[in-house]
PDB file of N, CA and C in Angstrom:
ATOM      1  N   UNK A   1      45.962 -75.591 -59.817  1.00  0.00           N
ATOM      2  CA  UNK A   1      47.171 -75.526 -59.750  1.00  0.00           C
ATOM      3  C   UNK A   1      47.531 -74.259 -58.983  1.00  0.00           C
ATOM      4  N   UNK A   2      48.576 -74.320 -58.131  1.00  0.00           N
ATOM      5  CA  UNK A   2      48.838 -73.031 -57.206  1.00  0.00           C
ATOM      6  C   UNK A   2      50.111 -72.546 -57.949  1.00  0.00           C
ATOM      7  N   UNK A   3      50.030 -71.147 -58.165  1.00  0.00           N
ATOM      8  CA  UNK A   3      51.368 -70.447 -58.749  1.00  0.00           C
ATOM      9  C   UNK A   3      51.625 -69.227 -57.774  1.00  0.00           C
ATOM     10  N   UNK A   4      52.737 -68.985 -57.356  1.00  0.00           N
ATOM     11  CA  UNK A   4      53.231 -68.078 -56.404  1.00  0.00           C
ATOM     12  C   UNK A   4      53.784 -67.182 -57.109  1.00  0.00           C
ATOM     13  N   UNK A   5      53.761 -65.713 -57.252  1.00  0.00           N
ATOM     14  CA  UNK A   5      54.487 -64.788 -57.801  1.00  0.00           C
ATOM     15  C   UNK A   5      55.618 -64.414 -56.965  1.00  0.00           C
ATOM     16  N   UNK A   6      57.027 -64.571 -57.199  1.00  0.00           N
ATOM     17  CA  UNK A   6      58.107 -64.192 -56.054  1.00  0.00           C
ATOM     18  C   UNK A   6      58.447 -62.833 -56.190  1.00  0.00           C
ATOM     19  N   UNK A   7      58.445 -62.529 -57.801  1.00  0.00           N
ATOM     20  CA  UNK A   7      59.082 -61.370 -58.060  1.00  0.00           C
ATOM     21  C   UNK A   7      58.328 -60.885 -59.562  1.00  0.00           C
ATOM     22  N   UNK A   8      58.016 -59.390 -59.419  1.00  0.00           N
ATOM     23  CA  UNK A   8      57.394 -59.273 -60.909  1.00  0.00           C
ATOM     24  C   UNK A   8      57.740 -57.660 -60.951  1.00  0.00           C
ATOM     25  N   UNK A   9      57.964 -57.622 -62.306  1.00  0.00           N
ATOM     26  CA  UNK A   9      58.275 -56.244 -62.962  1.00  0.00           C
ATOM     27  C   UNK A   9      57.688 -56.165 -64.189  1.00  0.00           C
ATOM     28  N   UNK A  10      57.706 -55.152 -65.130  1.00  0.00           N
ATOM     29  CA  UNK A  10      57.316 -55.184 -66.432  1.00  0.00           C
ATOM     30  C   UNK A  10      57.978 -56.063 -67.239  1.00  0.00           C
ATOM     31  N   UNK A  11      59.187 -56.187 -67.192  1.00  0.00           N
ATOM     32  CA  UNK A  11      59.736 -57.151 -68.174  1.00  0.00           C
ATOM     33  C   UNK A  11      60.301 -58.509 -67.398  1.00  0.00           C
ATOM     34  N   UNK A  12      60.231 -58.520 -66.109  1.00  0.00           N
ATOM     35  CA  UNK A  12      60.901 -59.695 -65.523  1.00  0.00           C
ATOM     36  C   UNK A  12      59.945 -60.357 -64.638  1.00  0.00           C
ATOM     37  N   UNK A  13      59.820 -61.539 -64.431  1.00  0.00           N
ATOM     38  CA  UNK A  13      58.913 -62.289 -63.515  1.00  0.00           C
ATOM     39  C   UNK A  13      59.621 -63.438 -63.168  1.00  0.00           C
ATOM     40  N   UNK A  14      59.499 -63.960 -61.740  1.00  0.00           N
ATOM     41  CA  UNK A  14      59.612 -65.079 -61.336  1.00  0.00           C
ATOM     42  C   UNK A  14      58.629 -65.804 -60.372  1.00  0.00           C
ATOM     43  N   UNK A  15      58.246 -67.005 -60.961  1.00  0.00           N
ATOM     44  CA  UNK A  15      56.928 -67.591 -60.254  1.00  0.00           C
ATOM     45  C   UNK A  15      57.388 -69.055 -60.039  1.00  0.00           C
ATOM     46  N   UNK A  16      56.999 -69.309 -58.776  1.00  0.00           N
ATOM     47  CA  UNK A  16      57.061 -70.615 -58.185  1.00  0.00           C
ATOM     48  C   UNK A  16      55.804 -71.380 -58.751  1.00  0.00           C
ATOM     49  N   UNK A  17      56.115 -72.753 -59.443  1.00  0.00           N
ATOM     50  CA  UNK A  17      54.959 -73.727 -60.012  1.00  0.00           C
ATOM     51  C   UNK A  17      54.931 -74.757 -59.036  1.00  0.00           C
ATOM     52  N   UNK A  18      53.807 -75.464 -59.160  1.00  0.00           N
ATOM     53  CA  UNK A  18      53.792 -76.488 -58.390  1.00  0.00           C
ATOM     54  C   UNK A  18      54.475 -77.796 -59.270  1.00  0.00           C
ATOM     55  N   UNK A  19      54.222 -77.779 -60.538  1.00  0.00           N
ATOM     56  CA  UNK A  19      54.513 -78.892 -61.200  1.00  0.00           C
ATOM     57  C   UNK A  19      55.975 -78.760 -62.113  1.00  0.00           C
ATOM     58  N   UNK A  20      57.115 -79.523 -61.928  1.00  0.00           N
ATOM     59  CA  UNK A  20      58.129 -79.462 -62.767  1.00  0.00           C
ATOM     60  C   UNK A  20      57.769 -79.625 -64.436  1.00  0.00           C
ATOM     61  N   UNK A  21      56.766 -80.408 -64.559  1.00  0.00           N
ATOM     62  CA  UNK A  21      56.425 -80.581 -66.090  1.00  0.00           C
ATOM     63  C   UNK A  21      55.831 -79.590 -66.631  1.00  0.00           C
ATOM     64  N   UNK A  22      55.096 -78.651 -65.895  1.00  0.00           N
ATOM     65  CA  UNK A  22      54.397 -77.484 -66.191  1.00  0.00           C
ATOM     66  C   UNK A  22      55.373 -76.589 -66.692  1.00  0.00           C
ATOM     67  N   UNK A  23      56.298 -76.539 -65.509  1.00  0.00           N
ATOM     68  CA  UNK A  23      57.534 -75.230 -65.820  1.00  0.00           C
ATOM     69  C   UNK A  23      58.508 -75.513 -66.831  1.00  0.00           C
ATOM     70  N   UNK A  24      58.482 -76.801 -67.193  1.00  0.00           N
ATOM     71  CA  UNK A  24      59.371 -77.128 -68.630  1.00  0.00           C
ATOM     72  C   UNK A  24      58.505 -76.840 -69.849  1.00  0.00           C
ATOM     73  N   UNK A  25      57.176 -77.109 -69.800  1.00  0.00           N
ATOM     74  CA  UNK A  25      56.415 -76.873 -70.967  1.00  0.00           C
ATOM     75  C   UNK A  25      56.569 -75.399 -71.299  1.00  0.00           C
ATOM     76  N   UNK A  26      56.104 -74.788 -70.143  1.00  0.00           N
ATOM     77  CA  UNK A  26      56.209 -73.308 -70.209  1.00  0.00           C
ATOM     78  C   UNK A  26      57.567 -72.738 -70.729  1.00  0.00           C
ATOM     79  N   UNK A  27      58.650 -73.111 -70.342  1.00  0.00           N
ATOM     80  CA  UNK A  27      59.930 -72.813 -70.689  1.00  0.00           C
ATOM     81  C   UNK A  27      60.082 -72.900 -72.103  1.00  0.00           C
ATOM     82  N   UNK A  28      59.529 -74.222 -72.726  1.00  0.00           N
ATOM     83  CA  UNK A  28      59.731 -74.486 -74.166  1.00  0.00           C
ATOM     84  C   UNK A  28      58.953 -73.525 -75.179  1.00  0.00           C
ATOM     85  N   UNK A  29      57.861 -73.225 -74.496  1.00  0.00           N
ATOM     86  CA  UNK A  29      56.838 -72.240 -75.402  1.00  0.00           C
ATOM     87  C   UNK A  29      57.440 -70.915 -75.244  1.00  0.00           C
ATOM     88  N   UNK A  30      57.795 -70.479 -74.011  1.00  0.00           N
ATOM     89  CA  UNK A  30      58.205 -69.043 -73.871  1.00  0.00           C
ATOM     90  C   UNK A  30      59.357 -68.780 -74.724  1.00  0.00           C
ATOM     91  N   UNK A  31      60.436 -69.891 -74.702  1.00  0.00           N
ATOM     92  CA  UNK A  31      61.775 -69.621 -75.598  1.00  0.00           C
ATOM     93  C   UNK A  31      61.394 -69.425 -77.048  1.00  0.00           C
ATOM     94  N   UNK A  32      60.184 -69.787 -77.677  1.00  0.00           N
ATOM     95  CA  UNK A  32      59.808 -69.896 -78.897  1.00  0.00           C
ATOM     96  C   UNK A  32      59.414 -68.376 -79.207  1.00  0.00           C
ATOM     97  N   UNK A  33      58.992 -67.569 -78.176  1.00  0.00           N
ATOM     98  CA  UNK A  33      58.441 -66.277 -78.331  1.00  0.00           C
ATOM     99  C   UNK A  33      59.676 -65.470 -78.791  1.00  0.00           C
ATOM    100  N   UNK A  34      59.682 -64.477 -79.754  1.00  0.00           N
ATOM    101  CA  UNK A  34      60.832 -63.699 -80.181  1.00  0.00           C
ATOM    102  C   UNK A  34      60.833 -62.384 -79.246  1.00  0.00           C
ATOM    103  N   UNK A  35      59.917 -62.223 -78.427  1.00  0.00           N
ATOM    104  CA  UNK A  35      59.733 -61.045 -77.547  1.00  0.00           C
ATOM    105  C   UNK A  35      60.318 -61.354 -76.209  1.00  0.00           C
ATOM    106  N   UNK A  36      60.743 -62.821 -76.015  1.00  0.00           N
ATOM    107  CA  UNK A  36      61.229 -63.492 -74.700  1.00  0.00           C
ATOM    108  C   UNK A  36      62.732 -63.322 -74.974  1.00  0.00           C
ATOM    109  N   UNK A  37      63.489 -62.584 -73.838  1.00  0.00           N
ATOM    110  CA  UNK A  37      64.827 -62.754 -73.884  1.00  0.00           C
ATOM    111  C   UNK A  37      65.566 -63.938 -73.218  1.00  0.00           C
ATOM    112  N   UNK A  38      64.687 -64.378 -71.957  1.00  0.00           N
ATOM    113  CA  UNK A  38      65.358 -65.272 -71.393  1.00  0.00           C
ATOM    114  C   UNK A  38      64.113 -66.178 -70.455  1.00  0.00           C
ATOM    115  N   UNK A  39      64.142 -67.407 -70.701  1.00  0.00           N
ATOM    116  CA  UNK A  39      63.220 -68.170 -69.966  1.00  0.00           C
ATOM    117  C   UNK A  39      63.845 -69.511 -69.366  1.00  0.00           C
ATOM    118  N   UNK A  40      63.906 -69.806 -68.178  1.00  0.00           N
ATOM    119  CA  UNK A  40      64.309 -70.940 -67.612  1.00  0.00           C
ATOM    120  C   UNK A  40      63.718 -71.103 -66.114  1.00  0.00           C
ATOM    121  N   UNK A  41      63.770 -72.338 -65.680  1.00  0.00           N
ATOM    122  CA  UNK A  41      63.567 -72.814 -64.283  1.00  0.00           C
ATOM    123  C   UNK A  41      64.749 -73.405 -63.678  1.00  0.00           C
ATOM    124  N   UNK A  42      64.415 -73.180 -62.411  1.00  0.00           N
ATOM    125  CA  UNK A  42      65.707 -73.660 -61.529  1.00  0.00           C
ATOM    126  C   UNK A  42      64.869 -74.421 -60.159  1.00  0.00           C
ATOM    127  N   UNK A  43      65.394 -75.401 -59.492  1.00  0.00           N
ATOM    128  CA  UNK A  43      65.045 -75.973 -58.223  1.00  0.00           C
ATOM    129  C   UNK A  43      66.521 -75.858 -57.459  1.00  0.00           C
ATOM    130  N   UNK A  44      66.395 -75.471 -56.400  1.00  0.00           N
ATOM    131  CA  UNK A  44      67.572 -75.709 -55.168  1.00  0.00           C
ATOM    132  C   UNK A  44      67.557 -76.839 -54.714  1.00  0.00           C
ATOM    133  N   UNK A  45      66.691 -77.695 -54.676  1.00  0.00           N
ATOM    134  CA  UNK A  45      66.557 -79.079 -54.251  1.00  0.00           C
ATOM    135  C   UNK A  45      65.622 -79.738 -54.648  1.00  0.00           C
ATOM    136  N   UNK A  46      65.623 -81.082 -55.159  1.00  0.00           N
ATOM    137  CA  UNK A  46      64.622 -81.757 -55.800  1.00  0.00           C
ATOM    138  C   UNK A  46      63.338 -81.992 -54.894  1.00  0.00           C
ATOM    139  N   UNK A  47      63.275 -81.712 -53.901  1.00  0.00           N
ATOM    140  CA  UNK A  47      62.103 -81.628 -53.036  1.00  0.00           C
ATOM    141  C   UNK A  47      61.417 -80.585 -53.073  1.00  0.00           C
ATOM    142  N   UNK A  48      61.910 -79.276 -53.600  1.00  0.00           N
ATOM    143  CA  UNK A  48      61.425 -78.035 -53.688  1.00  0.00           C
ATOM    144  C   UNK A  48      60.568 -77.882 -55.051  1.00  0.00           C
ATOM    145  N   UNK A  49      59.825 -76.972 -55.108  1.00  0.00           N
ATOM    146  CA  UNK A  49      59.173 -76.311 -56.342  1.00  0.00           C
ATOM    147  C   UNK A  49      59.969 -75.650 -57.243  1.00  0.00           C
ATOM    148  N   UNK A  50      59.736 -75.974 -58.722  1.00  0.00           N
ATOM    149  CA  UNK A  50      60.562 -75.306 -59.384  1.00  0.00           C
ATOM    150  C   UNK A  50      60.246 -73.715 -59.424  1.00  0.00           C
ATOM    151  N   UNK A  51      61.172 -72.894 -59.921  1.00  0.00           N
ATOM    152  CA  UNK A  51      61.060 -71.231 -59.977  1.00  0.00           C
ATOM    153  C   UNK A  51      61.338 -71.083 -61.422  1.00  0.00           C
ATOM    154  N   UNK A  52      60.286 -70.530 -62.060  1.00  0.00           N
ATOM    155  CA  UNK A  52      60.381 -70.022 -63.607  1.00  0.00           C
ATOM    156  C   UNK A  52      60.806 -68.693 -63.707  1.00  0.00           C
ATOM    157  N   UNK A  53      61.769 -68.310 -64.247  1.00  0.00           N
ATOM    158  CA  UNK A  53      62.082 -66.843 -64.484  1.00  0.00           C
ATOM    159  C   UNK A  53      62.231 -66.413 -66.063  1.00  0.00           C
ATOM    160  N   UNK A  54      61.481 -65.449 -66.186  1.00  0.00           N
ATOM    161  CA  UNK A  54      61.340 -64.936 -67.674  1.00  0.00           C
ATOM    162  C   UNK A  54      61.539 -63.443 -67.694  1.00  0.00           C
ATOM    163  N   UNK A  55      62.409 -63.214 -68.717  1.00  0.00           N
ATOM    164  CA  UNK A  55      62.732 -61.822 -69.147  1.00  0.00           C
ATOM    165  C   UNK A  55      62.338 -61.484 -70.510  1.00  0.00           C
ATOM    166  N   UNK A  56      61.633 -60.616 -70.849  1.00  0.00           N
ATOM    167  CA  UNK A  56      61.122 -59.850 -71.897  1.00  0.00           C
ATOM    168  C   UNK A  56      61.761 -58.692 -72.474  1.00  0.00           C
ATOM    169  N   UNK A  57      61.522 -58.342 -73.914  1.00  0.00           N
ATOM    170  CA  UNK A  57      61.891 -57.024 -74.210  1.00  0.00           C
ATOM    171  C   UNK A  57      60.808 -56.342 -74.999  1.00  0.00           C
ATOM    172  N   UNK A  58      59.880 -57.108 -75.764  1.00  0.00           N
ATOM    173  CA  UNK A  58      58.853 -56.294 -76.380  1.00  0.00           C
ATOM    174  C   UNK A  58      57.489 -56.270 -75.851  1.00  0.00           C
ATOM    175  N   UNK A  59      57.375 -57.169 -74.826  1.00  0.00           N
ATOM    176  CA  UNK A  59      56.016 -57.198 -74.217  1.00  0.00           C
ATOM    177  C   UNK A  59      56.195 -57.361 -72.844  1.00  0.00           C
ATOM    178  N   UNK A  60      55.217 -57.303 -71.859  1.00  0.00           N
ATOM    179  CA  UNK A  60      55.336 -57.727 -70.324  1.00  0.00           C
ATOM    180  C   UNK A  60      55.475 -59.145 -70.367  1.00  0.00           C
ATOM    181  N   UNK A  61      56.387 -59.332 -69.055  1.00  0.00           N
ATOM    182  CA  UNK A  61      56.373 -60.838 -68.822  1.00  0.00           C
ATOM    183  C   UNK A  61      55.105 -61.555 -68.753  1.00  0.00           C
ATOM    184  N   UNK A  62      54.242 -60.791 -67.967  1.00  0.00           N
ATOM    185  CA  UNK A  62      52.989 -61.504 -67.739  1.00  0.00           C
ATOM    186  C   UNK A  62      52.369 -62.004 -69.058  1.00  0.00           C
ATOM    187  N   UNK A  63      52.394 -60.974 -70.001  1.00  0.00           N
ATOM    188  CA  UNK A  63      51.697 -61.196 -71.275  1.00  0.00           C
ATOM    189  C   UNK A  63      52.422 -62.409 -72.061  1.00  0.00           C
ATOM    190  N   UNK A  64      53.758 -62.517 -72.135  1.00  0.00           N
ATOM    191  CA  UNK A  64      54.264 -63.504 -72.644  1.00  0.00           C
ATOM    192  C   UNK A  64      54.006 -64.884 -71.825  1.00  0.00           C
ATOM    193  N   UNK A  65      53.642 -65.034 -70.530  1.00  0.00           N
ATOM    194  CA  UNK A  65      53.276 -66.203 -69.947  1.00  0.00           C
ATOM    195  C   UNK A  65      51.909 -66.658 -70.672  1.00  0.00           C
ATOM    196  N   UNK A  66      51.181 -65.356 -70.720  1.00  0.00           N
ATOM    197  CA  UNK A  66      49.606 -65.602 -71.158  1.00  0.00           C
ATOM    198  C   UNK A  66      49.686 -66.154 -72.412  1.00  0.00           C
ATOM    199  N   UNK A  67      50.391 -65.602 -73.314  1.00  0.00           N
ATOM    200  CA  UNK A  67      50.439 -66.044 -74.762  1.00  0.00           C
ATOM    201  C   UNK A  67      50.944 -67.460 -74.920  1.00  0.00           C
ATOM    202  N   UNK A  68      52.098 -67.978 -74.073  1.00  0.00           N
ATOM    203  CA  UNK A  68      52.561 -69.133 -74.099  1.00  0.00           C
ATOM    204  C   UNK A  68      51.354 -70.284 -73.415  1.00  0.00           C
ATOM    205  N   UNK A  69      50.673 -69.713 -72.547  1.00  0.00           N
ATOM    206  CA  UNK A  69      49.662 -70.970 -72.269  1.00  0.00           C
ATOM    207  C   UNK A  69      48.653 -70.806 -73.232  1.00  0.00           C
ATOM    208  N   UNK A  70      48.197 -69.604 -73.946  1.00  0.00           N
ATOM    209  CA  UNK A  70      47.290 -70.122 -74.960  1.00  0.00           C
ATOM    210  C   UNK A  70      47.738 -70.916 -76.153  1.00  0.00           C
ATOM    211  N   UNK A  71      49.002 -70.698 -76.513  1.00  0.00           N
ATOM    212  CA  UNK A  71      49.566 -71.705 -77.518  1.00  0.00           C
ATOM    213  C   UNK A  71      49.696 -73.132 -77.051  1.00  0.00           C
ATOM    214  N   UNK A  72      49.923 -73.293 -75.942  1.00  0.00           N
ATOM    215  CA  UNK A  72      50.046 -74.571 -75.223  1.00  0.00           C
ATOM    216  C   UNK A  72      48.373 -75.335 -75.299  1.00  0.00           C
ATOM    217  N   UNK A  73      47.397 -74.379 -74.855  1.00  0.00           N
ATOM    218  CA  UNK A  73      45.963 -74.802 -75.095  1.00  0.00           C
ATOM    219  C   UNK A  73      45.711 -75.259 -76.461  1.00  0.00           C
ATOM    220  N   UNK A  74      45.934 -74.495 -77.498  1.00  0.00           N
ATOM    221  CA  UNK A  74      45.676 -74.725 -78.794  1.00  0.00           C
ATOM    222  C   UNK A  74      46.215 -75.794 -79.479  1.00  0.00           C
ATOM    223  N   UNK A  75      47.562 -75.918 -78.976  1.00  0.00           N
ATOM    224  CA  UNK A  75      48.220 -77.283 -79.331  1.00  0.00           C
ATOM    225  C   UNK A  75      47.548 -78.536 -78.945  1.00  0.00           C
ATOM    226  N   UNK A  76      47.297 -78.424 -77.471  1.00  0.00           N
ATOM    227  CA  UNK A  76      46.596 -79.551 -76.807  1.00  0.00           C
ATOM    228  C   UNK A  76      45.211 -79.771 -77.657  1.00  0.00           C
ATOM    229  N   UNK A  77      44.448 -78.654 -77.987  1.00  0.00           N
ATOM    230  CA  UNK A  77      43.226 -79.065 -78.833  1.00  0.00           C
ATOM    231  C   UNK A  77      43.468 -79.491 -80.068  1.00  0.00           C
ATOM    232  N   UNK A  78      44.278 -79.137 -80.753  1.00  0.00           N
ATOM    233  CA  UNK A  78      44.789 -79.875 -81.924  1.00  0.00           C
ATOM    234  C   UNK A  78      45.285 -81.324 -81.994  1.00  0.00           C
ATOM    235  N   UNK A  79      46.004 -81.458 -80.985  1.00  0.00           N
ATOM    236  CA  UNK A  79      46.400 -82.964 -80.557  1.00  0.00           C
ATOM    237  C   UNK A  79      45.211 -83.915 -80.092  1.00  0.00           C
ATOM    238  N   UNK A  80      44.338 -83.603 -79.392  1.00  0.00           N
ATOM    239  CA  UNK A  80      43.056 -84.018 -78.997  1.00  0.00           C
ATOM    240  C   UNK A  80      42.172 -84.140 -80.197  1.00  0.00           C
ATOM    241  N   UNK A  81      41.918 -83.319 -81.393  1.00  0.00           N
ATOM    242  CA  UNK A  81      41.200 -83.486 -82.467  1.00  0.00           C
ATOM    243  C   UNK A  81      41.727 -84.557 -83.305  1.00  0.00           C
ATOM    244  N   UNK A  82      43.121 -84.582 -83.359  1.00  0.00           N
ATOM    245  CA  UNK A  82      43.883 -85.545 -84.227  1.00  0.00           C
ATOM    246  C   UNK A  82      43.583 -87.051 -83.737  1.00  0.00           C
ATOM    247  N   UNK A  83      43.540 -86.976 -82.341  1.00  0.00           N
ATOM    248  CA  UNK A  83      43.430 -88.348 -81.898  1.00  0.00           C
ATOM    249  C   UNK A  83      41.990 -88.892 -81.968  1.00  0.00           C
ATOM    250  N   UNK A  84      40.983 -87.819 -81.848  1.00  0.00           N
ATOM    251  CA  UNK A  84      39.561 -88.249 -81.911  1.00  0.00           C
ATOM    252  C   UNK A  84      39.310 -88.757 -83.388  1.00  0.00           C
ATOM    253  N   UNK A  85      40.014 -88.121 -84.572  1.00  0.00           N
ATOM    254  CA  UNK A  85      39.945 -88.631 -85.913  1.00  0.00           C
ATOM    255  C   UNK A  85      40.419 -90.006 -86.193  1.00  0.00           C
ATOM    256  N   UNK A  86      41.376 -90.741 -85.064  1.00  0.00           N
ATOM    257  CA  UNK A  86      41.987 -91.865 -85.615  1.00  0.00           C
ATOM    258  C   UNK A  86      41.144 -92.920 -85.478  1.00  0.00           C
TER     259      UNK A  86
END
């Protein structure tokens, strides 16, 4: 999957993501993080890729995204294990 960093500073980042589904999942997990002030995605037109914007206060924006991806992976592993037990 391709991710393009459009704007980056210590406490704010904007990234263009290939998939709207991934952008939405990241938004949900980022908004669960108390260090994140703002996380949302936008698209100017349905044919364009979504842009995820993240603003943080207690950690860097890149760290917040990394943490969100780790939590997503952990939850997916748990879900897979639950399905295997069925």
